[in-house]
Protein backbone atom coordinates (compact mmCIF):
# COMPACT_ATOMS: atom_id res chain seq x y z
CA MET A 1 125.84 106.19 87.69
CA GLY A 2 124.11 108.53 90.13
CA LYS A 3 125.30 109.79 93.47
CA LEU A 4 122.52 107.89 95.24
CA ASP A 5 122.53 104.57 93.38
CA ASN A 6 120.85 101.86 95.45
CA LYS A 7 120.21 104.15 98.43
CA LYS A 8 116.65 103.98 99.78
CA ILE A 9 115.06 107.30 100.68
CA LEU A 10 111.75 107.90 102.46
CA ILE A 11 110.14 111.24 101.66
CA THR A 12 107.04 112.37 103.51
CA GLY A 13 104.49 114.76 102.04
CA ALA A 14 105.61 113.99 98.52
CA GLY A 15 102.18 113.82 96.91
CA GLY A 16 101.32 117.45 96.44
CA GLU A 17 101.82 118.88 92.96
CA GLY A 18 104.55 121.50 93.14
CA SER A 19 105.51 120.47 96.69
CA ILE A 20 109.06 120.41 97.98
CA GLY A 21 108.59 116.73 98.83
CA ARG A 22 107.59 115.84 95.28
CA ALA A 23 110.46 117.82 93.78
CA THR A 24 112.85 116.13 96.20
CA ALA A 25 111.51 112.68 95.32
CA ASN A 26 112.12 113.34 91.62
CA ALA A 27 115.58 114.77 92.24
CA MET A 28 116.59 111.77 94.36
CA ALA A 29 115.29 109.32 91.75
CA ALA A 30 117.24 111.18 89.06
CA GLU A 31 120.37 110.51 91.13
CA GLY A 32 119.60 106.78 91.32
CA ALA A 33 117.83 106.44 94.66
CA VAL A 34 115.06 103.99 95.41
CA VAL A 35 112.33 106.38 96.56
CA VAL A 36 109.57 105.61 99.04
CA ILE A 37 106.86 108.27 98.96
CA ASN A 38 104.62 108.85 101.95
CA GLU A 39 101.40 110.80 101.84
CA LEU A 40 98.10 110.95 103.68
CA ALA A 41 95.48 108.43 102.53
CA ALA A 42 93.17 111.34 101.70
CA ARG A 43 95.69 112.43 99.07
CA SER A 44 96.20 109.01 97.50
CA GLN A 45 95.43 110.20 93.95
CA GLU A 46 98.08 112.93 94.13
CA ALA A 47 100.49 110.45 95.71
CA ASN A 48 99.95 107.97 92.86
CA ASP A 49 100.59 110.77 90.35
CA ALA A 50 103.85 111.55 92.14
CA LEU A 51 104.77 107.86 92.16
CA ARG A 52 104.33 107.68 88.37
CA GLU A 53 106.57 110.75 87.96
CA VAL A 54 109.30 109.22 90.12
CA LYS A 55 109.11 105.86 88.34
CA ALA A 56 109.58 107.69 85.02
CA HIS A 57 113.22 108.15 86.05
CA GLY A 58 113.64 104.40 85.60
CA ARG A 59 114.17 103.71 89.29
CA ALA A 60 112.18 101.64 91.76
CA ALA A 61 109.67 103.68 93.71
CA TYR A 62 107.03 102.80 96.26
CA LEU A 63 104.10 104.46 97.98
CA VAL A 64 103.22 104.05 101.65
CA LEU A 65 100.10 105.89 102.74
CA GLY A 66 99.79 107.06 106.34
CA ASP A 67 99.94 109.96 108.77
CA VAL A 68 103.39 110.69 110.22
CA ALA A 69 101.74 112.82 112.93
CA ASP A 70 100.62 109.56 114.56
CA ALA A 71 103.46 107.64 116.29
CA THR A 72 102.00 104.21 115.51
CA GLU A 73 101.48 105.13 111.87
CA CYS A 74 104.96 106.59 111.69
CA ALA A 75 106.51 103.34 112.92
CA ARG A 76 104.48 101.36 110.37
CA ILE A 77 105.50 103.68 107.53
CA VAL A 78 109.18 103.38 108.38
CA GLU A 79 108.90 99.59 108.73
CA GLN A 80 107.20 99.24 105.34
CA ALA A 81 109.70 101.59 103.72
CA SER A 82 112.58 99.51 105.11
CA ASN A 83 111.36 96.30 103.49
């Protein structure tokens, strides 16, 4: 049983290989969290690679593409991550 079992965590900028966001997403999944990864649509391939890594921990994981620099997009990302 992990420290974060059944907690949902949204991590932005988690697509980049070697990024702090990606490392954090994997660490949170290893502790049992349900991880929602956010990345820019232009980096969807990297984001999908990160999603596969996170799912390899045996936990649920989701990807929501969008730009958190835009307030409307940010609200949509959080809403989708909450569902």
